[in-house]
Amino acid sequence: MSNSNSGLGLSRRGLFGLGGGVAAALAVGAVAASATTNTTEATTSRRPHAGRRPRTAEEAWATLRAGNERFARGALRHPHQNVERREDLADGQSPFATVLSCADSRVPPEIVFDQGLGDLFTVRSAGEVLDDAVIGSIEYAVEHLHTPLVLVLGHSRCGAVQAAVDLVHHGAELHDGISYLAHSIEAAVLRTPRSGSDAEYLRHCVEEQARSAARTLQERSAIVRHLVADSGVRVVSGVYDLDSGRVERL
């Protein structure tokens, strides 16, 4: 209602001080103008993808970082989570970043980065393991949805990485799909020097797996390589800390 009052530009006393006909004409005209402005604003807010979308990898990362800081401080804004946003996106999407994160239930990217509907193209796989479906999903996001940033997001105390550590160093017997996951992370564990406590070593393995997935994505995907080389797309890695709630870019 504040828009309506400012649109009138008249105090109640000033309006009453004018001659009846002139006052009425001014009031009607101002209300009509205000209604037009409000209608235009409402239409704009409901236009698909209204608002400025981050257009570069740097802008996308800055937006993610700011959202994560809000999350860590408990100052969430919960943007783009209303009926209007849902309706705006019914005919299309234009997310500003692609996030490949672990499937762990404690690391949902939209919450961790305080984003909403249509903001992130999220792909989740335990331990950020890459297979053809994961790579194809990321390729779709960068080539057809034009997300300028791909973030590979690991997290502290990752169970999938721990399974790979147990496989490599303790001869753990794993079966079926879990064995596939652990063997997919095995190379990252083998590249990580053993030092410090078990918890510190696991943290270093988590970091190496996130970096490894980012590198491997570009090695295996000609589409991603081309867009990184020619279109300003960036592939980065980071780790989410379960205790602090903060994401550290590696």
C-alpha atoms as a PDB file:
ATOM      1  CA  MET A   1       0.000   0.000   0.000  1.00  0.00           C
ATOM      2  CA  SER A   2       2.967   2.331   0.391  1.00  0.00           C
ATOM      3  CA  ASN A   3       3.271   2.506  -3.409  1.00  0.00           C
ATOM      4  CA  SER A   4      -0.304   3.734  -3.603  1.00  0.00           C
ATOM      5  CA  ASN A   5       0.280   6.508  -1.068  1.00  0.00           C
ATOM      6  CA  SER A   6       3.473   7.687  -2.714  1.00  0.00           C
ATOM      7  CA  GLY A   7       1.736   7.630  -6.071  1.00  0.00           C
ATOM      8  CA  LEU A   8      -0.942  10.033  -4.823  1.00  0.00           C
ATOM      9  CA  GLY A   9       1.721  12.488  -3.711  1.00  0.00           C
ATOM     10  CA  LEU A  10      -0.860  14.274  -1.534  1.00  0.00           C
ATOM     11  CA  SER A  11      -1.419  14.406   2.204  1.00  0.00           C
ATOM     12  CA  ARG A  12      -4.966  13.999   3.477  1.00  0.00           C
ATOM     13  CA  ARG A  13      -4.962  17.675   4.558  1.00  0.00           C
ATOM     14  CA  GLY A  14      -3.678  18.854   1.167  1.00  0.00           C
ATOM     15  CA  LEU A  15      -6.349  16.899  -0.645  1.00  0.00           C
ATOM     16  CA  PHE A  16      -9.120  18.371   1.477  1.00  0.00           C
ATOM     17  CA  GLY A  17      -7.698  21.882   0.959  1.00  0.00           C
ATOM     18  CA  LEU A  18      -8.251  21.730  -2.809  1.00  0.00           C
ATOM     19  CA  GLY A  19     -11.477  22.545  -4.516  1.00  0.00           C
ATOM     20  CA  GLY A  20     -13.794  19.544  -4.679  1.00  0.00           C
ATOM     21  CA  GLY A  21     -13.678  18.990  -8.452  1.00  0.00           C
ATOM     22  CA  VAL A  22      -9.940  19.509  -8.800  1.00  0.00           C
ATOM     23  CA  ALA A  23      -9.222  17.322  -5.790  1.00  0.00           C
ATOM     24  CA  ALA A  24     -11.396  14.528  -7.109  1.00  0.00           C
ATOM     25  CA  ALA A  25      -9.783  14.665 -10.519  1.00  0.00           C
ATOM     26  CA  LEU A  26      -6.290  14.579  -9.048  1.00  0.00           C
ATOM     27  CA  ALA A  27      -7.139  11.750  -6.720  1.00  0.00           C
ATOM     28  CA  VAL A  28      -8.747   9.616  -9.428  1.00  0.00           C
ATOM     29  CA  GLY A  29      -5.837  10.199 -11.797  1.00  0.00           C
ATOM     30  CA  ALA A  30      -3.264   9.372  -9.166  1.00  0.00           C
ATOM     31  CA  VAL A  31      -5.059   6.198  -8.088  1.00  0.00           C
ATOM     32  CA  ALA A  32      -5.285   5.089 -11.710  1.00  0.00           C
ATOM     33  CA  ALA A  33      -1.564   5.722 -12.214  1.00  0.00           C
ATOM     34  CA  SER A  34      -0.749   3.862  -9.028  1.00  0.00           C
ATOM     35  CA  ALA A  35      -2.909   0.920 -10.085  1.00  0.00           C
ATOM     36  CA  THR A  36      -1.140   0.807 -13.441  1.00  0.00           C
ATOM     37  CA  THR A  37       2.247   0.844 -11.707  1.00  0.00           C
ATOM     38  CA  ASN A  38       1.219  -1.914  -9.318  1.00  0.00           C
ATOM     39  CA  THR A  39      -0.152  -4.011 -12.177  1.00  0.00           C
ATOM     40  CA  THR A  40       3.094  -3.574 -14.110  1.00  0.00           C
ATOM     41  CA  GLU A  41       5.170  -4.523 -11.076  1.00  0.00           C
ATOM     42  CA  ALA A  42       3.025  -7.576 -10.442  1.00  0.00           C
ATOM     43  CA  THR A  43       3.357  -8.657 -14.060  1.00  0.00           C
ATOM     44  CA  THR A  44       7.118  -8.157 -13.921  1.00  0.00           C
ATOM     45  CA  SER A  45       7.455 -10.160 -10.728  1.00  0.00           C
ATOM     46  CA  ARG A  46       5.523 -13.016 -12.318  1.00  0.00           C
ATOM     47  CA  ARG A  47       7.433 -12.936 -15.570  1.00  0.00           C
ATOM     48  CA  PRO A  48       9.462 -16.164 -15.979  1.00  0.00           C
ATOM     49  CA  HIS A  49      12.983 -15.791 -14.575  1.00  0.00           C
ATOM     50  CA  ALA A  50      12.352 -12.183 -13.431  1.00  0.00           C
ATOM     51  CA  GLY A  51      15.314 -10.550 -11.734  1.00  0.00           C
ATOM     52  CA  ARG A  52      18.970 -10.537 -12.663  1.00  0.00           C
ATOM     53  CA  ARG A  53      20.425 -14.010 -12.925  1.00  0.00           C
ATOM     54  CA  PRO A  54      24.168 -14.326 -12.265  1.00  0.00           C
ATOM     55  CA  ARG A  55      25.707 -14.478 -15.712  1.00  0.00           C
ATOM     56  CA  THR A  56      29.325 -15.371 -15.044  1.00  0.00           C
ATOM     57  CA  ALA A  57      31.033 -18.049 -13.003  1.00  0.00           C
ATOM     58  CA  GLU A  58      32.365 -15.394 -10.636  1.00  0.00           C
ATOM     59  CA  GLU A  59      28.901 -13.914 -10.070  1.00  0.00           C
ATOM     60  CA  ALA A  60      27.439 -17.382  -9.574  1.00  0.00           C
ATOM     61  CA  TRP A  61      30.059 -18.281  -6.975  1.00  0.00           C
ATOM     62  CA  ALA A  62      29.533 -14.967  -5.164  1.00  0.00           C
ATOM     63  CA  THR A  63      25.806 -15.699  -4.980  1.00  0.00           C
ATOM     64  CA  LEU A  64      26.421 -19.201  -3.644  1.00  0.00           C
ATOM     65  CA  ARG A  65      28.919 -17.919  -1.102  1.00  0.00           C
ATOM     66  CA  ALA A  66      26.555 -15.234   0.155  1.00  0.00           C
ATOM     67  CA  GLY A  67      23.728 -17.735   0.481  1.00  0.00           C
ATOM     68  CA  ASN A  68      25.929 -20.195   2.333  1.00  0.00           C
ATOM     69  CA  GLU A  69      26.991 -17.483   4.758  1.00  0.00           C
ATOM     70  CA  ARG A  70      23.328 -16.736   5.480  1.00  0.00           C
ATOM     71  CA  PHE A  71      22.721 -20.433   6.067  1.00  0.00           C
ATOM     72  CA  ALA A  72      25.693 -20.791   8.403  1.00  0.00           C
ATOM     73  CA  ARG A  73      24.603 -17.759  10.440  1.00  0.00           C
ATOM     74  CA  GLY A  74      20.991 -18.886  10.586  1.00  0.00           C
ATOM     75  CA  ALA A  75      19.818 -15.824   8.632  1.00  0.00           C
ATOM     76  CA  LEU A  76      18.028 -17.645   5.821  1.00  0.00           C
ATOM     77  CA  ARG A  77      15.950 -15.676   3.326  1.00  0.00           C
ATOM     78  CA  HIS A  78      14.321 -18.695   1.640  1.00  0.00           C
ATOM     79  CA  PRO A  79      14.202 -16.943  -1.766  1.00  0.00           C
ATOM     80  CA  HIS A  80      12.116 -18.187  -4.682  1.00  0.00           C
ATOM     81  CA  GLN A  81      10.039 -20.598  -2.621  1.00  0.00           C
ATOM     82  CA  ASN A  82       6.533 -19.219  -3.143  1.00  0.00           C
ATOM     83  CA  VAL A  83       3.598 -19.949  -5.429  1.00  0.00           C
ATOM     84  CA  GLU A  84       4.493 -17.129  -7.810  1.00  0.00           C
ATOM     85  CA  ARG A  85       7.972 -18.509  -8.383  1.00  0.00           C
ATOM     86  CA  ARG A  86       6.587 -21.985  -9.002  1.00  0.00           C
ATOM     87  CA  GLU A  87       4.148 -20.627 -11.579  1.00  0.00           C
ATOM     88  CA  ASP A  88       6.839 -18.503 -13.247  1.00  0.00           C
ATOM     89  CA  LEU A  89       8.974 -21.604 -13.793  1.00  0.00           C
ATOM     90  CA  ALA A  90       6.214 -23.834 -15.146  1.00  0.00           C
ATOM     91  CA  ASP A  91       7.290 -23.230 -18.771  1.00  0.00           C
ATOM     92  CA  GLY A  92      11.059 -23.165 -18.389  1.00  0.00           C
ATOM     93  CA  GLN A  93      14.118 -22.849 -16.185  1.00  0.00           C
ATOM     94  CA  SER A  94      17.363 -20.909 -16.125  1.00  0.00           C
ATOM     95  CA  PRO A  95      19.415 -21.989 -13.090  1.00  0.00           C
ATOM     96  CA  PHE A  96      22.599 -20.007 -12.493  1.00  0.00           C
ATOM     97  CA  ALA A  97      24.781 -22.875 -11.248  1.00  0.00           C
ATOM     98  CA  THR A  98      25.116 -26.632 -11.464  1.00  0.00           C
ATOM     99  CA  VAL A  99      26.005 -28.418  -8.238  1.00  0.00           C
ATOM    100  CA  LEU A 100      27.192 -32.016  -8.121  1.00  0.00           C
ATOM    101  CA  SER A 101      26.930 -32.966  -4.469  1.00  0.00           C
ATOM    102  CA  CYS A 102      26.964 -36.095  -2.376  1.00  0.00           C
ATOM    103  CA  ALA A 103      23.585 -37.757  -1.891  1.00  0.00           C
ATOM    104  CA  ASP A 104      23.971 -37.412   1.900  1.00  0.00           C
ATOM    105  CA  SER A 105      20.707 -36.130   3.392  1.00  0.00           C
ATOM    106  CA  ARG A 106      22.574 -33.498   5.408  1.00  0.00           C
ATOM    107  CA  VAL A 107      23.890 -31.672   2.353  1.00  0.00           C
ATOM    108  CA  PRO A 108      20.940 -30.476   0.214  1.00  0.00           C
ATOM    109  CA  PRO A 109      22.435 -27.733  -2.006  1.00  0.00           C
ATOM    110  CA  GLU A 110      19.330 -25.531  -2.195  1.00  0.00           C
ATOM    111  CA  ILE A 111      19.267 -25.296   1.612  1.00  0.00           C
ATOM    112  CA  VAL A 112      23.025 -25.111   2.154  1.00  0.00           C
ATOM    113  CA  PHE A 113      23.216 -22.169  -0.282  1.00  0.00           C
ATOM    114  CA  ASP A 114      19.846 -20.611   0.688  1.00  0.00           C
ATOM    115  CA  GLN A 115      18.403 -20.800  -2.819  1.00  0.00           C
ATOM    116  CA  GLY A 116      14.997 -21.750  -4.162  1.00  0.00           C
ATOM    117  CA  LEU A 117      13.057 -23.134  -7.094  1.00  0.00           C
ATOM    118  CA  GLY A 118      14.872 -22.837 -10.404  1.00  0.00           C
ATOM    119  CA  ASP A 119      18.107 -21.429  -8.950  1.00  0.00           C
ATOM    120  CA  LEU A 120      20.332 -24.520  -8.960  1.00  0.00           C
ATOM    121  CA  PHE A 121      20.572 -27.497 -11.272  1.00  0.00           C
ATOM    122  CA  THR A 122      21.390 -30.174  -8.718  1.00  0.00           C
ATOM    123  CA  VAL A 123      22.903 -33.582  -9.455  1.00  0.00           C
ATOM    124  CA  ARG A 124      23.515 -35.867  -6.490  1.00  0.00           C
ATOM    125  CA  SER A 125      25.600 -39.011  -6.252  1.00  0.00           C
ATOM    126  CA  ALA A 126      27.145 -40.646  -3.179  1.00  0.00           C
ATOM    127  CA  GLY A 127      30.745 -39.494  -2.949  1.00  0.00           C
ATOM    128  CA  GLU A 128      30.245 -37.319  -6.077  1.00  0.00           C
ATOM    129  CA  VAL A 129      30.900 -40.454  -8.130  1.00  0.00           C
ATOM    130  CA  LEU A 130      30.707 -39.824 -11.862  1.00  0.00           C
ATOM    131  CA  ASP A 131      28.899 -42.193 -14.179  1.00  0.00           C
ATOM    132  CA  ASP A 132      27.356 -41.600 -17.599  1.00  0.00           C
ATOM    133  CA  ALA A 133      24.038 -40.435 -16.140  1.00  0.00           C
ATOM    134  CA  VAL A 134      25.732 -37.913 -13.853  1.00  0.00           C
ATOM    135  CA  ILE A 135      27.981 -36.591 -16.607  1.00  0.00           C
ATOM    136  CA  GLY A 136      25.082 -36.394 -19.060  1.00  0.00           C
ATOM    137  CA  SER A 137      23.022 -34.449 -16.535  1.00  0.00           C
ATOM    138  CA  ILE A 138      25.808 -31.920 -16.063  1.00  0.00           C
ATOM    139  CA  GLU A 139      26.315 -31.651 -19.817  1.00  0.00           C
ATOM    140  CA  TYR A 140      22.633 -30.843 -20.234  1.00  0.00           C
ATOM    141  CA  ALA A 141      22.879 -28.096 -17.627  1.00  0.00           C
ATOM    142  CA  VAL A 142      25.925 -26.349 -19.084  1.00  0.00           C
ATOM    143  CA  GLU A 143      25.060 -26.781 -22.761  1.00  0.00           C
ATOM    144  CA  HIS A 144      21.290 -26.266 -22.817  1.00  0.00           C
ATOM    145  CA  LEU A 145      20.577 -24.311 -19.629  1.00  0.00           C
ATOM    146  CA  HIS A 146      23.830 -22.327 -19.892  1.00  0.00           C
ATOM    147  CA  THR A 147      24.870 -22.514 -16.259  1.00  0.00           C
ATOM    148  CA  PRO A 148      28.247 -20.731 -16.070  1.00  0.00           C
ATOM    149  CA  LEU A 149      29.444 -22.566 -12.966  1.00  0.00           C
ATOM    150  CA  VAL A 150      29.748 -26.230 -12.016  1.00  0.00           C
ATOM    151  CA  LEU A 151      30.524 -26.878  -8.355  1.00  0.00           C
ATOM    152  CA  VAL A 152      31.563 -30.354  -7.197  1.00  0.00           C
ATOM    153  CA  LEU A 153      30.686 -30.378  -3.507  1.00  0.00           C
ATOM    154  CA  GLY A 154      32.073 -32.920  -1.065  1.00  0.00           C
ATOM    155  CA  HIS A 155      31.399 -32.883   2.662  1.00  0.00           C
ATOM    156  CA  SER A 156      33.114 -33.742   5.916  1.00  0.00           C
ATOM    157  CA  ARG A 157      32.906 -37.298   7.253  1.00  0.00           C
ATOM    158  CA  CYS A 158      31.560 -38.623   3.944  1.00  0.00           C
ATOM    159  CA  GLY A 159      30.448 -42.245   4.315  1.00  0.00           C
ATOM    160  CA  ALA A 160      31.189 -43.126   0.698  1.00  0.00           C
ATOM    161  CA  VAL A 161      34.751 -41.872   1.007  1.00  0.00           C
ATOM    162  CA  GLN A 162      35.110 -43.706   4.323  1.00  0.00           C
ATOM    163  CA  ALA A 163      34.020 -46.910   2.570  1.00  0.00           C
ATOM    164  CA  ALA A 164      36.793 -46.377   0.015  1.00  0.00           C
ATOM    165  CA  VAL A 165      39.301 -45.817   2.826  1.00  0.00           C
ATOM    166  CA  ASP A 166      38.168 -49.044   4.473  1.00  0.00           C
ATOM    167  CA  LEU A 167      38.500 -50.851   1.143  1.00  0.00           C
ATOM    168  CA  VAL A 168      42.007 -49.573   0.451  1.00  0.00           C
ATOM    169  CA  HIS A 169      43.557 -49.744   3.903  1.00  0.00           C
ATOM    170  CA  HIS A 170      41.537 -52.334   5.788  1.00  0.00           C
ATOM    171  CA  GLY A 171      40.538 -54.812   3.098  1.00  0.00           C
ATOM    172  CA  ALA A 172      36.828 -54.267   3.739  1.00  0.00           C
ATOM    173  CA  GLU A 173      34.494 -56.581   1.831  1.00  0.00           C
ATOM    174  CA  LEU A 174      31.882 -54.527   0.031  1.00  0.00           C
ATOM    175  CA  HIS A 175      29.196 -55.779  -2.282  1.00  0.00           C
ATOM    176  CA  ASP A 176      27.013 -54.722  -5.175  1.00  0.00           C
ATOM    177  CA  GLY A 177      26.447 -51.000  -5.646  1.00  0.00           C
ATOM    178  CA  ILE A 178      28.368 -49.973  -2.541  1.00  0.00           C
ATOM    179  CA  SER A 179      31.403 -51.800  -3.886  1.00  0.00           C
ATOM    180  CA  TYR A 180      31.058 -49.854  -7.143  1.00  0.00           C
ATOM    181  CA  LEU A 181      30.991 -46.558  -5.248  1.00  0.00           C
ATOM    182  CA  ALA A 182      34.028 -47.416  -3.124  1.00  0.00           C
ATOM    183  CA  HIS A 183      36.050 -48.625  -6.099  1.00  0.00           C
ATOM    184  CA  SER A 184      35.141 -45.408  -7.962  1.00  0.00           C
ATOM    185  CA  ILE A 185      36.659 -43.370  -5.107  1.00  0.00           C
ATOM    186  CA  GLU A 186      39.624 -45.713  -4.576  1.00  0.00           C
ATOM    187  CA  ALA A 187      42.003 -43.751  -6.811  1.00  0.00           C
ATOM    188  CA  ALA A 188      41.445 -40.541  -4.834  1.00  0.00           C
ATOM    189  CA  VAL A 189      42.207 -42.369  -1.592  1.00  0.00           C
ATOM    190  CA  LEU A 190      45.404 -43.871  -3.038  1.00  0.00           C
ATOM    191  CA  ARG A 191      46.573 -40.394  -4.115  1.00  0.00           C
ATOM    192  CA  THR A 192      46.086 -38.967  -0.622  1.00  0.00           C
ATOM    193  CA  PRO A 193      49.193 -39.184   1.629  1.00  0.00           C
ATOM    194  CA  ARG A 194      48.479 -40.851   4.954  1.00  0.00           C
ATOM    195  CA  SER A 195      49.195 -38.368   7.723  1.00  0.00           C
ATOM    196  CA  GLY A 196      47.635 -37.054  10.902  1.00  0.00           C
ATOM    197  CA  SER A 197      44.700 -38.655  12.680  1.00  0.00           C
ATOM    198  CA  ASP A 198      42.147 -40.866  10.989  1.00  0.00           C
ATOM    199  CA  ALA A 199      39.718 -37.931  10.947  1.00  0.00           C
ATOM    200  CA  GLU A 200      42.299 -35.658   9.311  1.00  0.00           C
ATOM    201  CA  TYR A 201      43.172 -38.286   6.750  1.00  0.00           C
ATOM    202  CA  LEU A 202      39.504 -38.770   5.874  1.00  0.00           C
ATOM    203  CA  ARG A 203      39.112 -35.026   5.439  1.00  0.00           C
ATOM    204  CA  HIS A 204      42.038 -34.937   3.008  1.00  0.00           C
ATOM    205  CA  CYS A 205      40.537 -37.876   1.093  1.00  0.00           C
ATOM    206  CA  VAL A 206      37.211 -36.020   0.864  1.00  0.00           C
ATOM    207  CA  GLU A 207      38.992 -32.977  -0.553  1.00  0.00           C
ATOM    208  CA  GLU A 208      40.910 -35.082  -3.068  1.00  0.00           C
ATOM    209  CA  GLN A 209      37.738 -36.829  -4.207  1.00  0.00           C
ATOM    210  CA  ALA A 210      36.011 -33.489  -4.856  1.00  0.00           C
ATOM    211  CA  ARG A 211      39.018 -32.225  -6.806  1.00  0.00           C
ATOM    212  CA  SER A 212      39.298 -35.534  -8.650  1.00  0.00           C
ATOM    213  CA  ALA A 213      35.643 -35.490  -9.708  1.00  0.00           C
ATOM    214  CA  ALA A 214      36.051 -31.941 -11.042  1.00  0.00           C
ATOM    215  CA  ARG A 215      39.089 -32.963 -13.081  1.00  0.00           C
ATOM    216  CA  THR A 216      37.565 -36.205 -14.303  1.00  0.00           C
ATOM    217  CA  LEU A 217      34.403 -34.447 -15.426  1.00  0.00           C
ATOM    218  CA  GLN A 218      36.434 -32.303 -17.790  1.00  0.00           C
ATOM    219  CA  GLU A 219      38.539 -35.218 -18.956  1.00  0.00           C
ATOM    220  CA  ARG A 220      35.531 -37.375 -19.804  1.00  0.00           C
ATOM    221  CA  SER A 221      33.220 -34.726 -21.231  1.00  0.00           C
ATOM    222  CA  ALA A 222      34.118 -33.029 -24.507  1.00  0.00           C
ATOM    223  CA  ILE A 223      31.095 -30.759 -24.051  1.00  0.00           C
ATOM    224  CA  VAL A 224      32.298 -29.498 -20.684  1.00  0.00           C
ATOM    225  CA  ARG A 225      35.878 -29.073 -21.953  1.00  0.00           C
ATOM    226  CA  HIS A 226      34.680 -27.030 -24.914  1.00  0.00           C
ATOM    227  CA  LEU A 227      32.514 -24.746 -22.798  1.00  0.00           C
ATOM    228  CA  VAL A 228      35.308 -24.245 -20.263  1.00  0.00           C
ATOM    229  CA  ALA A 229      37.742 -23.347 -23.057  1.00  0.00           C
ATOM    230  CA  ASP A 230      35.470 -21.151 -25.156  1.00  0.00           C
ATOM    231  CA  SER A 231      32.438 -19.980 -23.178  1.00  0.00           C
ATOM    232  CA  GLY A 232      33.631 -19.010 -19.739  1.00  0.00           C
ATOM    233  CA  VAL A 233      32.186 -22.015 -17.913  1.00  0.00           C
ATOM    234  CA  ARG A 234      34.136 -22.876 -14.772  1.00  0.00           C
ATOM    235  CA  VAL A 235      34.337 -26.186 -12.898  1.00  0.00           C
ATOM    236  CA  VAL A 236      35.345 -25.804  -9.251  1.00  0.00           C
ATOM    237  CA  SER A 237      35.320 -27.959  -6.156  1.00  0.00           C
ATOM    238  CA  GLY A 238      34.486 -27.378  -2.515  1.00  0.00           C
ATOM    239  CA  VAL A 239      33.799 -29.108   0.787  1.00  0.00           C
ATOM    240  CA  TYR A 240      30.852 -28.558   3.114  1.00  0.00           C
ATOM    241  CA  ASP A 241      31.573 -28.769   6.834  1.00  0.00           C
ATOM    242  CA  LEU A 242      28.818 -30.569   8.720  1.00  0.00           C
ATOM    243  CA  ASP A 243      29.665 -28.766  11.957  1.00  0.00           C
ATOM    244  CA  SER A 244      29.935 -25.142  10.842  1.00  0.00           C
ATOM    245  CA  GLY A 245      27.566 -25.301   7.886  1.00  0.00           C
ATOM    246  CA  ARG A 246      30.114 -23.493   5.723  1.00  0.00           C
ATOM    247  CA  VAL A 247      31.431 -24.391   2.279  1.00  0.00           C
ATOM    248  CA  GLU A 248      35.137 -23.985   1.589  1.00  0.00           C
ATOM    249  CA  ARG A 249      36.172 -23.630  -2.033  1.00  0.00           C
ATOM    250  CA  LEU A 250      39.215 -25.751  -2.789  1.00  0.00           C
END
